[in-house]
Amino acid sequence: MKKLALFICISISVSGFSQKKLDKLLKRQNTESIPYISVDALKNIQNNVILLDAREEREFKISHLKDAICVGYDSFNLKKTEVKLPNKEAKIVVYCSLGIRSEDVAEKLKKAGYTNVLNLYGGIFEWKNNDLEVLNSKEKPTDSVHTFSKVWSKWLKKGIKVYD
């Protein structure tokens, strides 16, 4: 029983520490000009939002959230995205690997007049780390997640890490 209690305490400490490290990374990389939405909050409203994936198509093909639209980052095209999203008041959640590239794309949408744009805190990594489903290019559940690079892959705790 003592071992179980010790294991639970260590697990909570490690996950809390990991969360604090992610907080620091996002504070260092982002301006927080776009409000975050947590994984828990998104999973409860996922069917009532437009999901935009701000990763590149090769990442999206490995895995993505259900019903997400790949808009890319380097390849992001505001004009093409506006055609897909005519309602500038629609609730939009942008995500990427961790929430860094998605903030940049969300800022562009905000400047273009979209009024209800959120950034998924921790991105697809946090989604998968919470044991939530991601889909492959055939729209089938997968454990694989494109982690952008070996360096960034440390943030994915669950699933199969894929990088170029």
N, C-alpha and C. Protein backbone atom coordinates (compact mmCIF):
# COMPACT_ATOMS: atom_id res chain seq x y z
N MET A 1 0.82 -1.19 0.00
CA MET A 1 0.00 0.00 0.00
C MET A 1 0.87 1.26 0.00
N LYS A 2 1.97 1.23 0.78
CA LYS A 2 2.88 2.38 0.83
C LYS A 2 3.51 2.61 -0.54
N LYS A 3 3.86 1.51 -1.23
CA LYS A 3 4.46 1.64 -2.55
C LYS A 3 3.48 2.28 -3.52
N LEU A 4 2.22 1.91 -3.45
CA LEU A 4 1.20 2.48 -4.32
C LEU A 4 1.05 3.98 -4.04
N ALA A 5 1.00 4.35 -2.78
CA ALA A 5 0.89 5.76 -2.41
C ALA A 5 2.11 6.55 -2.90
N LEU A 6 3.29 5.97 -2.75
CA LEU A 6 4.51 6.63 -3.22
C LEU A 6 4.48 6.79 -4.74
N PHE A 7 4.05 5.75 -5.45
CA PHE A 7 3.97 5.81 -6.92
C PHE A 7 2.99 6.91 -7.35
N ILE A 8 1.86 7.01 -6.69
CA ILE A 8 0.87 8.04 -7.03
C ILE A 8 1.45 9.43 -6.78
N CYS A 9 2.12 9.63 -5.67
CA CYS A 9 2.74 10.93 -5.36
C CYS A 9 3.79 11.31 -6.39
N ILE A 10 4.62 10.35 -6.77
CA ILE A 10 5.67 10.62 -7.76
C ILE A 10 5.04 10.94 -9.11
N SER A 11 4.02 10.18 -9.50
CA SER A 11 3.35 10.43 -10.78
C SER A 11 2.75 11.82 -10.85
N ILE A 12 2.09 12.22 -9.78
CA ILE A 12 1.49 13.56 -9.73
C ILE A 12 2.57 14.63 -9.78
N SER A 13 3.66 14.42 -9.06
CA SER A 13 4.76 15.39 -9.06
C SER A 13 5.37 15.53 -10.44
N VAL A 14 5.62 14.42 -11.11
CA VAL A 14 6.23 14.44 -12.43
C VAL A 14 5.31 15.13 -13.42
N SER A 15 4.01 14.80 -13.41
CA SER A 15 3.10 15.44 -14.36
C SER A 15 2.95 16.93 -14.07
N GLY A 16 2.96 17.31 -12.80
CA GLY A 16 2.91 18.72 -12.45
C GLY A 16 4.16 19.45 -12.90
N PHE A 17 5.32 18.81 -12.74
CA PHE A 17 6.58 19.39 -13.16
C PHE A 17 6.60 19.55 -14.68
N SER A 18 6.12 18.53 -15.36
CA SER A 18 6.07 18.56 -16.81
C SER A 18 5.16 19.69 -17.29
N GLN A 19 4.04 19.87 -16.62
CA GLN A 19 3.10 20.94 -16.97
C GLN A 19 3.77 22.30 -16.76
N LYS A 20 4.51 22.46 -15.67
CA LYS A 20 5.19 23.73 -15.41
C LYS A 20 6.25 24.01 -16.48
N LYS A 21 6.94 22.96 -16.93
CA LYS A 21 7.94 23.14 -17.98
C LYS A 21 7.27 23.56 -19.28
N LEU A 22 6.10 22.98 -19.58
CA LEU A 22 5.36 23.37 -20.78
C LEU A 22 4.88 24.81 -20.65
N ASP A 23 4.40 25.18 -19.47
CA ASP A 23 4.00 26.57 -19.23
C ASP A 23 5.15 27.52 -19.55
N LYS A 24 6.35 27.19 -19.06
CA LYS A 24 7.52 28.05 -19.29
C LYS A 24 7.85 28.14 -20.78
N LEU A 25 7.81 27.01 -21.46
CA LEU A 25 8.11 27.00 -22.89
C LEU A 25 7.12 27.89 -23.65
N LEU A 26 5.84 27.73 -23.38
CA LEU A 26 4.83 28.51 -24.09
C LEU A 26 4.91 29.99 -23.75
N LYS A 27 5.22 30.31 -22.52
CA LYS A 27 5.39 31.74 -22.15
C LYS A 27 6.59 32.35 -22.87
N ARG A 28 7.63 31.55 -23.06
CA ARG A 28 8.82 32.02 -23.74
C ARG A 28 8.58 32.17 -25.25
N GLN A 29 7.79 31.29 -25.84
CA GLN A 29 7.61 31.27 -27.28
C GLN A 29 6.41 32.10 -27.77
N ASN A 30 5.40 32.25 -26.93
CA ASN A 30 4.15 32.89 -27.35
C ASN A 30 3.96 34.25 -26.69
N THR A 31 3.14 35.07 -27.34
CA THR A 31 2.78 36.36 -26.76
C THR A 31 1.48 36.26 -25.97
N GLU A 32 0.80 35.14 -26.11
CA GLU A 32 -0.50 34.90 -25.47
C GLU A 32 -1.54 35.91 -25.92
N SER A 33 -1.41 36.36 -27.16
CA SER A 33 -2.39 37.28 -27.75
C SER A 33 -3.69 36.56 -28.10
N ILE A 34 -3.63 35.25 -28.19
CA ILE A 34 -4.80 34.42 -28.47
C ILE A 34 -5.07 33.59 -27.23
N PRO A 35 -6.31 33.62 -26.73
CA PRO A 35 -6.61 32.83 -25.53
C PRO A 35 -6.43 31.33 -25.79
N TYR A 36 -5.97 30.63 -24.77
CA TYR A 36 -5.84 29.18 -24.85
C TYR A 36 -7.18 28.53 -24.53
N ILE A 37 -7.35 27.34 -25.09
CA ILE A 37 -8.41 26.43 -24.65
C ILE A 37 -7.70 25.16 -24.21
N SER A 38 -8.11 24.59 -23.12
CA SER A 38 -7.48 23.37 -22.62
C SER A 38 -8.01 22.16 -23.38
N VAL A 39 -7.27 21.07 -23.31
CA VAL A 39 -7.70 19.81 -23.91
C VAL A 39 -9.04 19.39 -23.31
N ASP A 40 -9.18 19.49 -21.99
CA ASP A 40 -10.44 19.10 -21.34
C ASP A 40 -11.61 19.92 -21.85
N ALA A 41 -11.42 21.21 -21.98
CA ALA A 41 -12.50 22.07 -22.47
C ALA A 41 -12.84 21.75 -23.92
N LEU A 42 -11.83 21.53 -24.75
CA LEU A 42 -12.08 21.24 -26.16
C LEU A 42 -12.79 19.92 -26.35
N LYS A 43 -12.40 18.91 -25.61
CA LYS A 43 -13.04 17.60 -25.83
C LYS A 43 -14.54 17.65 -25.54
N ASN A 44 -14.98 18.58 -24.71
CA ASN A 44 -16.40 18.72 -24.40
C ASN A 44 -17.18 19.49 -25.46
N ILE A 45 -16.49 20.27 -26.29
CA ILE A 45 -17.18 21.08 -27.30
C ILE A 45 -16.66 20.81 -28.71
N GLN A 46 -15.87 19.78 -28.88
CA GLN A 46 -15.19 19.51 -30.14
C GLN A 46 -16.14 19.51 -31.34
N ASN A 47 -17.34 19.02 -31.17
CA ASN A 47 -18.29 18.94 -32.29
C ASN A 47 -18.92 20.29 -32.62
N ASN A 48 -18.69 21.29 -31.79
CA ASN A 48 -19.29 22.61 -31.99
C ASN A 48 -18.28 23.68 -32.37
N VAL A 49 -17.09 23.28 -32.79
CA VAL A 49 -16.06 24.24 -33.19
C VAL A 49 -15.48 23.83 -34.54
N ILE A 50 -14.81 24.77 -35.16
CA ILE A 50 -14.04 24.48 -36.36
C ILE A 50 -12.60 24.29 -35.91
N LEU A 51 -12.04 23.15 -36.23
CA LEU A 51 -10.66 22.85 -35.86
C LEU A 51 -9.73 23.08 -37.04
N LEU A 52 -8.70 23.89 -36.81
CA LEU A 52 -7.70 24.14 -37.84
C LEU A 52 -6.36 23.61 -37.37
N ASP A 53 -5.73 22.80 -38.18
CA ASP A 53 -4.42 22.24 -37.88
C ASP A 53 -3.35 23.11 -38.56
N ALA A 54 -2.53 23.75 -37.75
CA ALA A 54 -1.50 24.66 -38.24
C ALA A 54 -0.16 23.97 -38.45
N ARG A 55 -0.19 22.67 -38.63
CA ARG A 55 1.04 21.94 -38.95
C ARG A 55 1.07 21.71 -40.46
N GLU A 56 2.18 21.26 -40.94
CA GLU A 56 2.30 21.00 -42.37
C GLU A 56 1.57 19.71 -42.75
N GLU A 57 1.27 19.58 -44.02
CA GLU A 57 0.47 18.44 -44.48
C GLU A 57 1.10 17.10 -44.14
N ARG A 58 2.42 16.98 -44.20
CA ARG A 58 3.06 15.70 -43.86
C ARG A 58 2.81 15.33 -42.39
N GLU A 59 2.72 16.33 -41.53
CA GLU A 59 2.42 16.08 -40.11
C GLU A 59 0.96 15.67 -39.96
N PHE A 60 0.09 16.41 -40.65
CA PHE A 60 -1.35 16.16 -40.61
C PHE A 60 -1.68 14.74 -41.09
N LYS A 61 -1.00 14.27 -42.12
CA LYS A 61 -1.27 12.94 -42.66
C LYS A 61 -0.94 11.84 -41.65
N ILE A 62 0.06 12.05 -40.82
CA ILE A 62 0.42 11.06 -39.79
C ILE A 62 -0.69 10.97 -38.76
N SER A 63 -1.16 12.13 -38.29
CA SER A 63 -2.27 12.15 -37.32
C SER A 63 -2.81 13.57 -37.19
N HIS A 64 -4.09 13.62 -36.86
CA HIS A 64 -4.77 14.90 -36.66
C HIS A 64 -6.02 14.65 -35.83
N LEU A 65 -6.62 15.73 -35.36
CA LEU A 65 -7.86 15.62 -34.62
C LEU A 65 -9.02 15.42 -35.59
N LYS A 66 -10.04 14.73 -35.13
CA LYS A 66 -11.22 14.45 -35.97
C LYS A 66 -11.82 15.75 -36.50
N ASP A 67 -12.11 15.76 -37.78
CA ASP A 67 -12.75 16.87 -38.49
C ASP A 67 -11.87 18.11 -38.63
N ALA A 68 -10.59 18.00 -38.33
CA ALA A 68 -9.69 19.15 -38.47
C ALA A 68 -9.43 19.45 -39.95
N ILE A 69 -9.20 20.73 -40.21
CA ILE A 69 -8.84 21.20 -41.54
C ILE A 69 -7.38 21.60 -41.50
N CYS A 70 -6.59 21.02 -42.38
CA CYS A 70 -5.16 21.36 -42.43
C CYS A 70 -4.99 22.68 -43.17
N VAL A 71 -4.46 23.68 -42.46
CA VAL A 71 -4.19 24.99 -43.09
C VAL A 71 -2.70 25.25 -43.19
N GLY A 72 -1.89 24.43 -42.56
CA GLY A 72 -0.45 24.57 -42.63
C GLY A 72 0.08 25.75 -41.84
N TYR A 73 1.38 25.86 -41.86
CA TYR A 73 2.06 26.98 -41.20
C TYR A 73 2.91 27.71 -42.24
N ASP A 74 3.94 27.05 -42.74
CA ASP A 74 4.75 27.66 -43.81
C ASP A 74 3.88 27.88 -45.04
N SER A 75 2.94 26.97 -45.24
CA SER A 75 2.07 27.03 -46.42
C SER A 75 0.73 27.73 -46.14
N PHE A 76 0.58 28.33 -44.96
CA PHE A 76 -0.70 28.96 -44.61
C PHE A 76 -1.05 30.05 -45.62
N ASN A 77 -2.30 30.00 -46.10
CA ASN A 77 -2.78 30.96 -47.07
C ASN A 77 -4.09 31.55 -46.54
N LEU A 78 -4.05 32.79 -46.09
CA LEU A 78 -5.21 33.42 -45.49
C LEU A 78 -6.40 33.46 -46.44
N LYS A 79 -6.17 33.81 -47.69
CA LYS A 79 -7.27 33.92 -48.67
C LYS A 79 -8.00 32.58 -48.83
N LYS A 80 -7.24 31.49 -48.97
CA LYS A 80 -7.84 30.15 -49.11
C LYS A 80 -8.59 29.76 -47.84
N THR A 81 -8.04 30.13 -46.70
CA THR A 81 -8.68 29.79 -45.43
C THR A 81 -9.98 30.57 -45.26
N GLU A 82 -9.97 31.84 -45.66
CA GLU A 82 -11.18 32.66 -45.56
C GLU A 82 -12.31 32.09 -46.41
N VAL A 83 -11.99 31.50 -47.54
CA VAL A 83 -13.02 30.88 -48.39
C VAL A 83 -13.67 29.71 -47.65
N LYS A 84 -12.86 28.95 -46.91
CA LYS A 84 -13.37 27.80 -46.15
C LYS A 84 -14.14 28.23 -44.91
N LEU A 85 -13.88 29.46 -44.42
CA LEU A 85 -14.46 29.94 -43.17
C LEU A 85 -15.18 31.27 -43.38
N PRO A 86 -16.33 31.26 -44.04
CA PRO A 86 -16.99 32.53 -44.33
C PRO A 86 -17.57 33.24 -43.10
N ASN A 87 -17.90 32.49 -42.04
CA ASN A 87 -18.47 33.08 -40.83
C ASN A 87 -17.37 33.53 -39.89
N LYS A 88 -17.14 34.82 -39.83
CA LYS A 88 -16.04 35.36 -39.01
C LYS A 88 -16.34 35.33 -37.51
N GLU A 89 -17.57 34.93 -37.16
CA GLU A 89 -17.93 34.82 -35.74
C GLU A 89 -17.94 33.37 -35.25
N ALA A 90 -17.63 32.43 -36.14
CA ALA A 90 -17.61 31.01 -35.77
C ALA A 90 -16.53 30.76 -34.73
N LYS A 91 -16.78 29.78 -33.86
CA LYS A 91 -15.78 29.41 -32.85
C LYS A 91 -14.74 28.53 -33.54
N ILE A 92 -13.50 29.02 -33.54
CA ILE A 92 -12.39 28.34 -34.21
C ILE A 92 -11.31 28.01 -33.19
N VAL A 93 -10.85 26.77 -33.23
CA VAL A 93 -9.71 26.35 -32.40
C VAL A 93 -8.59 25.95 -33.34
N VAL A 94 -7.44 26.61 -33.17
CA VAL A 94 -6.26 26.31 -33.98
C VAL A 94 -5.31 25.51 -33.10
N TYR A 95 -4.72 24.47 -33.69
CA TYR A 95 -3.73 23.69 -32.93
C TYR A 95 -2.55 23.35 -33.83
N CYS A 96 -1.46 23.01 -33.18
CA CYS A 96 -0.26 22.50 -33.87
C CYS A 96 0.31 21.42 -32.97
N SER A 97 1.61 21.29 -32.91
CA SER A 97 2.22 20.28 -32.05
C SER A 97 2.06 20.63 -30.58
N LEU A 98 2.43 21.87 -30.22
CA LEU A 98 2.40 22.30 -28.82
C LEU A 98 1.59 23.58 -28.56
N GLY A 99 1.32 24.34 -29.60
CA GLY A 99 0.59 25.59 -29.42
C GLY A 99 1.39 26.82 -29.77
N ILE A 100 2.49 26.66 -30.47
CA ILE A 100 3.35 27.79 -30.84
C ILE A 100 3.02 28.27 -32.25
N ARG A 101 3.11 27.38 -33.22
CA ARG A 101 2.75 27.76 -34.59
C ARG A 101 1.28 28.14 -34.68
N SER A 102 0.45 27.47 -33.91
CA SER A 102 -0.99 27.75 -33.96
C SER A 102 -1.31 29.16 -33.49
N GLU A 103 -0.52 29.69 -32.56
CA GLU A 103 -0.75 31.07 -32.14
C GLU A 103 -0.51 32.03 -33.30
N ASP A 104 0.54 31.79 -34.08
CA ASP A 104 0.83 32.65 -35.23
C ASP A 104 -0.32 32.64 -36.24
N VAL A 105 -0.81 31.45 -36.55
CA VAL A 105 -1.92 31.34 -37.50
C VAL A 105 -3.17 31.99 -36.92
N ALA A 106 -3.44 31.76 -35.64
CA ALA A 106 -4.62 32.35 -35.00
C ALA A 106 -4.54 33.88 -35.01
N GLU A 107 -3.34 34.42 -34.82
CA GLU A 107 -3.17 35.88 -34.88
C GLU A 107 -3.53 36.42 -36.26
N LYS A 108 -3.15 35.71 -37.31
CA LYS A 108 -3.48 36.13 -38.67
C LYS A 108 -5.00 36.11 -38.88
N LEU A 109 -5.66 35.10 -38.33
CA LEU A 109 -7.12 35.03 -38.43
C LEU A 109 -7.77 36.19 -37.67
N LYS A 110 -7.26 36.46 -36.50
CA LYS A 110 -7.79 37.56 -35.69
C LYS A 110 -7.64 38.90 -36.42
N LYS A 111 -6.48 39.13 -37.02
CA LYS A 111 -6.25 40.36 -37.78
C LYS A 111 -7.17 40.45 -38.99
N ALA A 112 -7.59 39.29 -39.52
CA ALA A 112 -8.48 39.25 -40.67
C ALA A 112 -9.95 39.42 -40.27
N GLY A 113 -10.20 39.58 -38.97
CA GLY A 113 -11.56 39.86 -38.51
C GLY A 113 -12.29 38.72 -37.84
N TYR A 114 -11.65 37.57 -37.66
CA TYR A 114 -12.29 36.47 -36.94
C TYR A 114 -12.31 36.82 -35.46
N THR A 115 -13.46 36.67 -34.85
CA THR A 115 -13.66 37.19 -33.49
C THR A 115 -13.62 36.14 -32.38
N ASN A 116 -13.64 34.87 -32.74
CA ASN A 116 -13.77 33.82 -31.73
C ASN A 116 -12.73 32.73 -31.98
N VAL A 117 -11.45 33.11 -31.89
CA VAL A 117 -10.36 32.19 -32.19
C VAL A 117 -9.62 31.83 -30.91
N LEU A 118 -9.38 30.53 -30.74
CA LEU A 118 -8.67 30.02 -29.57
C LEU A 118 -7.49 29.17 -30.01
N ASN A 119 -6.50 29.03 -29.13
CA ASN A 119 -5.30 28.24 -29.37
C ASN A 119 -5.32 27.05 -28.42
N LEU A 120 -5.19 25.84 -28.95
CA LEU A 120 -5.19 24.65 -28.10
C LEU A 120 -3.89 24.56 -27.31
N TYR A 121 -4.00 24.67 -26.00
CA TYR A 121 -2.86 24.62 -25.10
C TYR A 121 -2.21 23.23 -25.18
N GLY A 122 -0.94 23.20 -25.55
CA GLY A 122 -0.22 21.93 -25.62
C GLY A 122 -0.43 21.18 -26.92
N GLY A 123 -1.30 21.68 -27.78
CA GLY A 123 -1.52 21.12 -29.10
C GLY A 123 -1.88 19.65 -29.15
N ILE A 124 -1.57 19.05 -30.28
CA ILE A 124 -1.90 17.63 -30.48
C ILE A 124 -1.12 16.74 -29.51
N PHE A 125 0.06 17.21 -29.06
CA PHE A 125 0.82 16.42 -28.08
C PHE A 125 0.02 16.27 -26.79
N GLU A 126 -0.51 17.38 -26.31
CA GLU A 126 -1.27 17.34 -25.05
C GLU A 126 -2.56 16.53 -25.24
N TRP A 127 -3.14 16.64 -26.42
CA TRP A 127 -4.35 15.86 -26.75
C TRP A 127 -4.05 14.37 -26.63
N LYS A 128 -2.97 13.93 -27.27
CA LYS A 128 -2.59 12.52 -27.24
C LYS A 128 -2.10 12.11 -25.85
N ASN A 129 -1.39 12.99 -25.16
CA ASN A 129 -0.93 12.70 -23.80
C ASN A 129 -2.09 12.47 -22.84
N ASN A 130 -3.27 12.98 -23.19
CA ASN A 130 -4.47 12.76 -22.39
C ASN A 130 -5.31 11.59 -22.91
N ASP A 131 -4.66 10.73 -23.69
CA ASP A 131 -5.29 9.50 -24.21
C ASP A 131 -6.49 9.77 -25.10
N LEU A 132 -6.47 10.88 -25.81
CA LEU A 132 -7.57 11.19 -26.72
C LEU A 132 -7.20 10.76 -28.13
N GLU A 133 -8.21 10.47 -28.92
CA GLU A 133 -8.03 9.88 -30.23
C GLU A 133 -7.50 10.86 -31.27
N VAL A 134 -6.54 10.38 -32.06
CA VAL A 134 -6.08 11.09 -33.25
C VAL A 134 -6.26 10.13 -34.42
N LEU A 135 -6.42 10.72 -35.61
CA LEU A 135 -6.71 9.93 -36.80
C LEU A 135 -5.59 10.06 -37.82
N ASN A 136 -5.41 9.02 -38.63
CA ASN A 136 -4.40 9.06 -39.69
C ASN A 136 -5.03 9.56 -40.99
N SER A 137 -4.30 9.49 -42.07
CA SER A 137 -4.78 10.01 -43.35
C SER A 137 -5.99 9.25 -43.89
N LYS A 138 -6.22 8.04 -43.38
CA LYS A 138 -7.40 7.26 -43.79
C LYS A 138 -8.56 7.44 -42.80
N GLU A 139 -8.40 8.43 -41.91
CA GLU A 139 -9.41 8.74 -40.89
C GLU A 139 -9.64 7.58 -39.92
N LYS A 140 -8.59 6.81 -39.69
CA LYS A 140 -8.64 5.69 -38.73
C LYS A 140 -7.80 6.07 -37.51
N PRO A 141 -8.22 5.61 -36.33
CA PRO A 141 -7.43 5.91 -35.11
C PRO A 141 -5.99 5.40 -35.24
N THR A 142 -5.06 6.19 -34.72
CA THR A 142 -3.65 5.83 -34.76
C THR A 142 -2.97 6.26 -33.46
N ASP A 143 -1.88 5.60 -33.15
CA ASP A 143 -1.06 6.01 -32.00
C ASP A 143 0.11 6.87 -32.45
N SER A 144 0.33 6.96 -33.76
CA SER A 144 1.44 7.74 -34.29
C SER A 144 1.13 9.23 -34.27
N VAL A 145 2.13 10.01 -33.90
CA VAL A 145 2.01 11.47 -33.90
C VAL A 145 3.31 12.03 -34.47
N HIS A 146 3.19 12.90 -35.46
CA HIS A 146 4.37 13.55 -36.01
C HIS A 146 4.84 14.58 -34.98
N THR A 147 6.09 14.44 -34.55
CA THR A 147 6.59 15.30 -33.46
C THR A 147 7.49 16.43 -33.95
N PHE A 148 7.43 16.73 -35.23
CA PHE A 148 8.16 17.83 -35.84
C PHE A 148 9.66 17.54 -35.92
N SER A 149 10.28 17.22 -34.78
CA SER A 149 11.71 16.89 -34.76
C SER A 149 12.00 16.06 -33.52
N LYS A 150 13.19 15.51 -33.47
CA LYS A 150 13.58 14.71 -32.31
C LYS A 150 13.58 15.57 -31.04
N VAL A 151 14.03 16.82 -31.16
CA VAL A 151 14.07 17.72 -30.01
C VAL A 151 12.67 17.94 -29.44
N TRP A 152 11.70 18.22 -30.31
CA TRP A 152 10.34 18.49 -29.85
C TRP A 152 9.62 17.22 -29.39
N SER A 153 10.12 16.06 -29.81
CA SER A 153 9.42 14.80 -29.48
C SER A 153 9.39 14.52 -27.98
N LYS A 154 10.25 15.17 -27.22
CA LYS A 154 10.25 14.93 -25.76
C LYS A 154 8.93 15.34 -25.11
N TRP A 155 8.17 16.20 -25.77
CA TRP A 155 6.91 16.67 -25.20
C TRP A 155 5.77 15.68 -25.40
N LEU A 156 5.93 14.72 -26.29
CA LEU A 156 4.93 13.68 -26.49
C LEU A 156 5.23 12.54 -25.54
N LYS A 157 4.35 12.32 -24.58
CA LYS A 157 4.58 11.29 -23.56
C LYS A 157 3.90 9.97 -23.91
N LYS A 158 2.86 10.03 -24.74
CA LYS A 158 2.11 8.82 -25.11
C LYS A 158 2.01 8.76 -26.62
N GLY A 159 2.05 7.55 -27.15
CA GLY A 159 1.95 7.40 -28.59
C GLY A 159 3.30 7.09 -29.22
N ILE A 160 3.25 6.92 -30.52
CA ILE A 160 4.45 6.61 -31.30
C ILE A 160 4.97 7.89 -31.93
N LYS A 161 6.21 8.21 -31.66
CA LYS A 161 6.82 9.45 -32.16
C LYS A 161 7.31 9.25 -33.59
N VAL A 162 6.88 10.14 -34.47
CA VAL A 162 7.30 10.11 -35.87
C VAL A 162 7.89 11.48 -36.19
N TYR A 163 9.07 11.50 -36.79
CA TYR A 163 9.67 12.76 -37.22
C TYR A 163 10.59 12.46 -38.40
N ASP A 164 10.88 13.51 -39.15
CA ASP A 164 11.72 13.36 -40.36
C ASP A 164 13.18 13.30 -39.99
